[in-house]
Amino acid sequence: MRIDMHCHALGKGNDITAVDGEVYFNPEDNQHWFTRILYNLLEEDLVRMEADLNQDQTISTEEYFSLLYRLLSTSEELDALVLLALDAVYSARDGRLDERKTDLWVSNGFLLSVIRDLNEKMKQEGAAKRFFLGASVSPNRRDWAEELEFVLSQPEAVLVKVIPSVQHIRLMNNRHREFYEMLASARMPLLCHVGPEYSFPEGIRRKELDDFRYLEKPLEKGVTVIAAHCATPVFPLIDKNVIGEFYRFMRKVNTGSEVRLWADTSGLSIATRLPLIPEIIDTFPPEWLVHGSDFPIPADSWPHLPLVTHDVTPEEYLSICKTGNPFDRDVRIKRAHGFPNSIIENALKVLRLPDSPDV
């Protein structure tokens, strides 16, 4: 099975009390100038993909998931998408919800319901493709054990995702020991953002929390960890390049035959990371990598020029430019640069996939 294990769930709900029935998105009381620009660009990109079904120049939650369904069902490169929830921001001190700093909240219950509806539609149309749940549980919340127990009981849930900066999570805090132990006992992998995070205001403000070295604590407790984006900088002229340091950290952890720390390739197709691709390919063994797109972060076609960028031929460049499906375009960009096809199937080795093929 060819799996993209890093696709974001988005929406346009504005009632934080209704997260069990809608995505909550409201950065206006906590906005940053960079994210304001980014969100507008992403919505314009989604409109160009014809996601705006009612022509009102904005993308509703329903329209976004309809787009994802269309893109997966027509994909030539993928069999499955892992859709990522995002838990709210909770105070690390008392576990209370911080409404102002919660800019996006995609609850596990809501996303699970959406995924089941999408999979039922796939089944009715005779498609062998499916969506999986990338759940999100903040260990800061008062009821984290109850929420994590709910996630672990769902066969569609294949990983748990956190963004430390955005969710104000200190990974090294000993208070999270039981959280990690529950994940390890259930063999549920932890997808953790590491490196710069520019997609959320709190990610920009609390960037010190996204240091890959803090993964030591969940790894110490036996959790299998997936580090997002290979810990790469977003803007190489501004952000520190720690690729070499992260590789040495991975090498220290991945001794023996079992891979305990993986890295995903999400977001590597954007133009600003293009100069890093040769170093990434030369540094990380493909058996430590899993494929992710980071959709709706765009997989840009134009920068991957033949004979200029890493190993891209004129034929591959033309194929990339002609590929309308952004998930397929992302796969073909990475393949043209030299990432092996095996990374698309490596998710089978790390995700907690259901035993039943009907899930």
Protein backbone atom coordinates (compact mmCIF):
# COMPACT_ATOMS: atom_id res chain seq x y z
CA MET A 1 0.00 0.00 0.00
CA ARG A 2 1.33 3.43 -1.00
CA ILE A 3 0.59 5.87 1.80
CA ASP A 4 0.94 9.63 2.27
CA MET A 5 1.09 9.83 6.04
CA HIS A 6 1.20 13.62 6.44
CA CYS A 7 -1.89 15.43 5.14
CA HIS A 8 -3.55 18.18 7.14
CA ALA A 9 -7.24 18.40 7.91
CA LEU A 10 -8.58 21.95 7.68
CA GLY A 11 -11.90 23.75 7.95
CA LYS A 12 -13.72 26.99 8.64
CA GLY A 13 -15.81 26.64 11.79
CA ASN A 14 -15.73 29.56 14.24
CA ASP A 15 -17.42 28.06 17.33
CA ILE A 16 -14.89 26.50 19.68
CA THR A 17 -17.68 24.76 21.61
CA ALA A 18 -18.71 22.84 18.47
CA VAL A 19 -15.47 21.00 17.71
CA ASP A 20 -17.15 17.60 17.79
CA GLY A 21 -19.08 18.59 14.66
CA GLU A 22 -16.82 21.03 12.83
CA VAL A 23 -13.21 22.17 12.45
CA TYR A 24 -12.45 25.24 14.54
CA PHE A 25 -10.26 27.87 12.84
CA ASN A 26 -9.81 31.33 14.31
CA PRO A 27 -6.34 32.88 14.30
CA GLU A 28 -7.60 36.47 14.27
CA ASP A 29 -7.23 36.99 18.03
CA ASN A 30 -3.66 35.63 17.92
CA GLN A 31 -2.55 36.45 14.39
CA HIS A 32 0.99 36.94 13.07
CA TRP A 33 1.70 38.89 9.90
CA PHE A 34 3.42 35.90 8.25
CA THR A 35 0.61 33.45 8.91
CA ARG A 36 -1.97 35.98 7.71
CA ILE A 37 -0.22 36.05 4.33
CA LEU A 38 0.26 32.28 4.29
CA TYR A 39 -3.40 31.48 4.99
CA ASN A 40 -4.55 33.76 2.19
CA LEU A 41 -2.11 32.14 -0.26
CA LEU A 42 -3.21 28.63 0.73
CA GLU A 43 -6.88 29.48 0.25
CA GLU A 44 -6.16 30.99 -3.16
CA ASP A 45 -4.31 27.80 -4.08
CA LEU A 46 -7.28 25.67 -3.01
CA VAL A 47 -9.61 27.85 -5.10
CA ARG A 48 -7.37 27.23 -8.13
CA MET A 49 -7.80 23.49 -7.48
CA GLU A 50 -11.54 24.03 -7.95
CA ALA A 51 -12.33 23.27 -4.33
CA ASP A 52 -14.63 26.31 -4.14
CA LEU A 53 -17.81 24.48 -5.17
CA ASN A 54 -20.24 27.34 -4.43
CA GLN A 55 -17.97 30.03 -5.96
CA ASP A 56 -17.82 32.23 -2.86
CA GLN A 57 -14.01 32.50 -2.95
CA THR A 58 -13.56 30.73 0.36
CA ILE A 59 -13.16 27.05 1.20
CA SER A 60 -15.56 25.53 3.70
CA THR A 61 -14.81 22.42 5.74
CA GLU A 62 -17.07 20.32 3.55
CA GLU A 63 -15.46 21.65 0.37
CA TYR A 64 -11.98 20.88 1.69
CA PHE A 65 -12.78 17.25 2.44
CA SER A 66 -14.58 16.91 -0.90
CA LEU A 67 -11.36 18.05 -2.55
CA LEU A 68 -9.30 15.51 -0.61
CA TYR A 69 -11.71 12.76 -1.65
CA ARG A 70 -11.44 13.76 -5.30
CA LEU A 71 -7.66 13.97 -5.20
CA LEU A 72 -7.16 10.59 -3.52
CA SER A 73 -9.73 8.81 -5.66
CA THR A 74 -8.04 10.06 -8.86
CA SER A 75 -4.45 9.66 -7.65
CA GLU A 76 -2.18 7.45 -9.74
CA GLU A 77 0.53 7.33 -7.06
CA LEU A 78 -1.29 6.81 -3.74
CA ASP A 79 -3.61 4.27 -2.16
CA ALA A 80 -4.21 6.01 1.18
CA LEU A 81 -4.00 9.31 3.02
CA VAL A 82 -3.46 9.85 6.74
CA LEU A 83 -5.47 12.93 7.73
CA LEU A 84 -4.03 14.76 10.71
CA ALA A 85 -6.10 16.07 13.59
CA LEU A 86 -4.75 18.86 15.81
CA ASP A 87 -5.59 19.15 19.48
CA ALA A 88 -6.11 22.51 21.13
CA VAL A 89 -3.67 24.47 23.28
CA TYR A 90 -3.89 23.61 26.97
CA SER A 91 -2.05 25.23 29.84
CA ALA A 92 0.98 23.18 30.87
CA ARG A 93 0.35 24.41 34.42
CA ASP A 94 -3.29 23.51 35.05
CA GLY A 95 -4.49 21.75 31.89
CA ARG A 96 -7.10 24.35 31.00
CA LEU A 97 -8.04 25.18 27.41
CA ASP A 98 -6.33 28.32 26.10
CA GLU A 99 -8.95 29.56 23.65
CA ARG A 100 -7.05 32.62 22.43
CA LYS A 101 -3.90 30.70 21.51
CA THR A 102 -5.87 27.84 19.90
CA ASP A 103 -5.92 28.90 16.26
CA LEU A 104 -6.86 25.54 14.74
CA TRP A 105 -8.60 22.65 16.48
CA VAL A 106 -9.42 19.50 14.55
CA SER A 107 -10.88 17.13 17.10
CA ASN A 108 -10.35 13.38 16.91
CA GLY A 109 -14.06 12.66 17.18
CA PHE A 110 -14.99 14.97 14.32
CA LEU A 111 -12.20 13.82 12.01
CA LEU A 112 -12.93 10.17 12.74
CA SER A 113 -16.55 10.73 11.67
CA VAL A 114 -15.43 12.43 8.45
CA ILE A 115 -12.97 9.63 7.66
CA ARG A 116 -15.61 6.98 8.15
CA ASP A 117 -17.96 8.83 5.79
CA LEU A 118 -15.24 9.22 3.17
CA ASN A 119 -14.24 5.55 3.41
CA GLU A 120 -17.86 4.43 3.12
CA LYS A 121 -18.20 6.52 -0.03
CA MET A 122 -15.00 4.94 -1.42
CA LYS A 123 -16.39 1.49 -0.65
CA GLN A 124 -19.72 2.22 -2.32
CA GLU A 125 -17.93 3.41 -5.44
CA GLY A 126 -15.80 0.26 -5.50
CA ALA A 127 -12.52 2.06 -4.84
CA ALA A 128 -9.80 0.21 -2.93
CA LYS A 129 -8.43 3.44 -1.47
CA ARG A 130 -8.94 4.74 2.06
CA PHE A 131 -8.33 7.44 4.61
CA PHE A 132 -6.74 6.89 8.02
CA LEU A 133 -6.81 8.98 11.19
CA GLY A 134 -3.71 10.73 12.38
CA ALA A 135 -5.04 11.60 15.82
CA SER A 136 -3.80 14.39 18.06
CA VAL A 137 -3.79 14.37 21.86
CA SER A 138 -2.04 16.99 23.94
CA PRO A 139 -0.51 15.53 27.11
CA ASN A 140 -1.15 18.93 28.72
CA ARG A 141 -4.92 18.50 28.76
CA ARG A 142 -6.50 17.38 32.04
CA ASP A 143 -8.26 14.44 30.43
CA TRP A 144 -5.41 13.32 28.19
CA ALA A 145 -5.66 9.69 29.35
CA GLU A 146 -9.36 9.50 28.50
CA GLU A 147 -8.81 11.11 25.09
CA LEU A 148 -5.83 8.90 24.30
CA GLU A 149 -7.78 5.81 25.35
CA PHE A 150 -10.53 6.84 22.92
CA VAL A 151 -7.98 7.22 20.11
CA LEU A 152 -6.29 3.90 20.84
CA SER A 153 -9.65 2.12 20.64
CA GLN A 154 -10.31 3.32 17.09
CA PRO A 155 -9.05 0.98 14.32
CA GLU A 156 -8.78 3.90 11.89
CA ALA A 157 -6.21 5.65 14.13
CA VAL A 158 -2.70 4.92 12.87
CA LEU A 159 -0.58 7.56 14.67
CA VAL A 160 -0.73 10.41 17.18
CA LYS A 161 0.49 13.85 16.10
CA VAL A 162 1.81 16.75 18.17
CA ILE A 163 3.37 20.10 17.31
CA PRO A 164 5.20 21.09 20.51
CA SER A 165 5.50 24.81 19.75
CA VAL A 166 1.91 25.22 18.59
CA GLN A 167 0.46 23.16 21.46
CA HIS A 168 2.91 24.39 24.14
CA ILE A 169 4.16 20.87 24.87
CA ARG A 170 7.50 20.37 26.58
CA LEU A 171 8.43 16.89 25.41
CA MET A 172 11.07 16.40 28.09
CA ASN A 173 8.66 17.09 30.97
CA ASN A 174 8.53 14.05 33.26
CA ARG A 175 4.80 14.63 33.72
CA HIS A 176 4.32 13.13 30.24
CA ARG A 177 5.86 9.79 31.20
CA GLU A 178 2.54 7.93 31.39
CA PHE A 179 1.43 9.46 28.09
CA TYR A 180 4.49 8.00 26.38
CA GLU A 181 4.06 4.67 28.12
CA MET A 182 0.49 4.36 26.84
CA LEU A 183 1.65 5.07 23.29
CA ALA A 184 4.47 2.53 23.56
CA SER A 185 2.22 -0.15 25.05
CA ALA A 186 -0.26 0.25 22.19
CA ARG A 187 2.53 0.42 19.60
CA MET A 188 1.10 3.72 18.43
CA PRO A 189 3.74 5.90 16.73
CA LEU A 190 4.15 9.55 17.61
CA LEU A 191 4.44 11.96 14.68
CA CYS A 192 6.18 15.03 16.05
CA HIS A 193 6.96 18.28 14.31
CA VAL A 194 10.63 19.22 14.63
CA GLY A 195 12.40 22.24 13.21
CA PRO A 196 10.95 25.64 12.29
CA GLU A 197 7.15 25.93 12.23
CA TYR A 198 5.84 28.89 10.23
CA SER A 199 2.25 27.72 9.66
CA PHE A 200 0.94 28.82 13.07
CA PRO A 201 1.47 32.00 15.11
CA GLU A 202 2.42 30.00 18.21
CA GLY A 203 4.86 27.94 16.11
CA ILE A 204 6.74 31.11 15.29
CA ARG A 205 6.62 32.42 18.86
CA ARG A 206 7.53 29.18 20.66
CA LYS A 207 9.99 27.70 18.17
CA GLU A 208 12.40 26.61 20.91
CA LEU A 209 10.01 23.75 21.77
CA ASP A 210 10.49 22.08 18.38
CA ASP A 211 14.09 20.95 18.96
CA PHE A 212 14.61 17.36 17.74
CA ARG A 213 16.74 16.60 20.80
CA TYR A 214 13.59 16.63 22.94
CA LEU A 215 12.49 13.44 21.16
CA GLU A 216 14.87 11.65 23.50
CA LYS A 217 12.19 11.40 26.20
CA PRO A 218 9.46 9.56 24.21
CA LEU A 219 12.14 7.36 22.62
CA GLU A 220 13.48 6.56 26.08
CA LYS A 221 9.99 5.36 27.05
CA GLY A 222 9.81 3.01 24.06
CA VAL A 223 7.73 5.11 21.66
CA THR A 224 8.34 4.82 17.93
CA VAL A 225 8.74 8.40 16.70
CA ILE A 226 8.37 10.00 13.27
CA ALA A 227 10.13 13.36 12.98
CA ALA A 228 8.39 15.60 10.49
CA HIS A 229 10.24 17.26 7.60
CA CYS A 230 13.57 15.55 8.36
CA ALA A 231 14.19 18.44 10.81
CA THR A 232 15.03 20.68 7.85
CA PRO A 233 14.97 24.48 7.87
CA VAL A 234 12.17 26.20 5.98
CA PHE A 235 14.26 29.20 4.99
CA PRO A 236 17.92 28.09 4.79
CA LEU A 237 19.20 31.68 4.87
CA ILE A 238 17.40 32.33 8.16
CA ASP A 239 16.95 28.99 9.92
CA LYS A 240 19.87 26.94 11.17
CA ASN A 241 20.61 23.80 9.14
CA VAL A 242 20.74 20.88 11.61
CA ILE A 243 20.44 18.04 9.09
CA GLY A 244 23.83 16.60 10.03
CA GLU A 245 23.13 16.85 13.76
CA PHE A 246 19.73 15.23 13.34
CA TYR A 247 21.24 12.38 11.33
CA ARG A 248 23.75 11.68 14.10
CA PHE A 249 20.87 11.67 16.60
CA MET A 250 18.97 9.17 14.41
CA ARG A 251 22.05 7.00 14.04
CA LYS A 252 22.48 6.85 17.81
CA VAL A 253 18.84 5.76 18.25
CA ASN A 254 18.53 3.38 15.30
CA THR A 255 20.99 0.74 16.36
CA GLY A 256 20.22 -2.86 15.53
CA SER A 257 17.56 -4.01 13.08
CA GLU A 258 14.59 -2.00 14.43
CA VAL A 259 14.02 1.59 13.28
CA ARG A 260 12.78 3.51 16.31
CA LEU A 261 13.15 7.03 14.92
CA TRP A 262 11.85 7.75 11.43
CA ALA A 263 11.84 10.98 9.43
CA ASP A 264 9.14 12.00 7.00
CA THR A 265 9.61 13.82 3.71
CA SER A 266 6.67 16.17 4.12
CA GLY A 267 7.11 19.71 2.87
CA LEU A 268 10.36 19.02 1.05
CA SER A 269 8.96 19.99 -2.38
CA ILE A 270 8.55 23.68 -1.57
CA ALA A 271 10.89 26.06 -3.35
CA THR A 272 12.78 27.23 -0.25
CA ARG A 273 13.89 23.69 0.61
CA LEU A 274 15.06 22.88 -2.92
CA PRO A 275 18.77 23.58 -2.16
CA LEU A 276 18.62 21.06 0.70
CA ILE A 277 17.40 18.06 -1.31
CA PRO A 278 20.86 16.73 -2.32
CA GLU A 279 22.01 16.85 1.30
CA ILE A 280 18.84 15.13 2.50
CA ILE A 281 19.16 12.31 -0.04
CA ASP A 282 22.87 11.86 0.65
CA THR A 283 22.38 11.92 4.44
CA PHE A 284 19.34 9.83 5.34
CA PRO A 285 19.11 6.11 4.49
CA PRO A 286 15.83 5.46 2.65
CA GLU A 287 14.98 2.71 5.14
CA TRP A 288 14.60 5.47 7.77
CA LEU A 289 12.22 7.61 5.68
CA VAL A 290 8.46 7.67 5.22
CA HIS A 291 6.53 9.63 2.62
CA GLY A 292 4.37 12.65 3.39
CA SER A 293 3.23 15.62 1.34
CA ASP A 294 2.29 18.23 3.99
CA PHE A 295 -0.77 19.12 1.88
CA PRO A 296 -2.12 21.80 1.48
CA ILE A 297 1.40 23.25 1.67
CA PRO A 298 2.07 23.38 -2.10
CA ALA A 299 4.30 21.02 -4.03
CA ASP A 300 5.74 23.62 -6.40
CA SER A 301 6.53 22.50 -9.96
CA TRP A 302 8.40 25.42 -11.43
CA PRO A 303 11.58 25.46 -9.26
CA HIS A 304 12.59 21.87 -10.08
CA LEU A 305 14.31 22.79 -13.31
CA PRO A 306 15.98 20.05 -15.39
CA LEU A 307 19.77 19.96 -15.51
CA VAL A 308 19.85 22.64 -12.81
CA THR A 309 18.32 21.02 -9.76
CA HIS A 310 19.23 17.66 -8.32
CA ASP A 311 19.02 14.87 -10.94
CA VAL A 312 15.83 16.14 -12.63
CA THR A 313 15.67 15.31 -16.36
CA PRO A 314 13.72 17.33 -18.97
CA GLU A 315 11.26 14.45 -19.34
CA GLU A 316 10.66 14.32 -15.60
CA TYR A 317 10.22 18.08 -15.42
CA LEU A 318 7.58 18.04 -18.16
CA SER A 319 5.78 15.19 -16.39
CA ILE A 320 5.82 17.12 -13.10
CA CYS A 321 4.47 20.28 -14.74
CA LYS A 322 1.67 18.33 -16.45
CA THR A 323 0.59 16.63 -13.23
CA GLY A 324 -2.49 18.38 -11.90
CA ASN A 325 -3.01 16.23 -8.82
CA PRO A 326 -0.83 17.80 -6.09
CA PHE A 327 -0.32 14.48 -4.28
CA ASP A 328 0.96 12.84 -7.47
CA ARG A 329 3.07 15.91 -8.26
CA ASP A 330 4.75 15.69 -4.85
CA VAL A 331 5.58 12.00 -5.36
CA ARG A 332 6.99 12.66 -8.84
CA ILE A 333 9.08 15.61 -7.70
CA LYS A 334 10.73 13.51 -5.00
CA ARG A 335 11.20 10.56 -7.35
CA ALA A 336 12.84 12.83 -9.93
CA HIS A 337 15.29 14.10 -7.32
CA GLY A 338 16.28 10.58 -6.34
CA PHE A 339 14.08 9.54 -3.43
CA PRO A 340 13.35 5.82 -3.97
CA ASN A 341 9.81 4.50 -4.36
CA SER A 342 10.32 2.39 -1.24
CA ILE A 343 9.69 5.34 1.08
CA ILE A 344 6.04 5.48 -0.08
CA GLU A 345 5.50 1.98 1.30
CA ASN A 346 7.65 2.35 4.42
CA ALA A 347 4.60 3.62 6.29
CA LEU A 348 3.45 -0.01 6.41
CA LYS A 349 6.36 -0.66 8.77
CA VAL A 350 5.63 2.13 11.24
CA LEU A 351 1.92 3.01 11.29
CA ARG A 352 -0.50 1.11 13.51
CA LEU A 353 -2.60 -0.17 10.62
CA PRO A 354 -5.89 -2.03 11.25
CA ASP A 355 -6.01 -5.79 10.86
CA SER A 356 -9.24 -5.66 8.86
CA PRO A 357 -8.95 -4.48 5.24
CA ASP A 358 -12.49 -3.09 5.47
CA VAL A 359 -11.57 -0.37 7.97
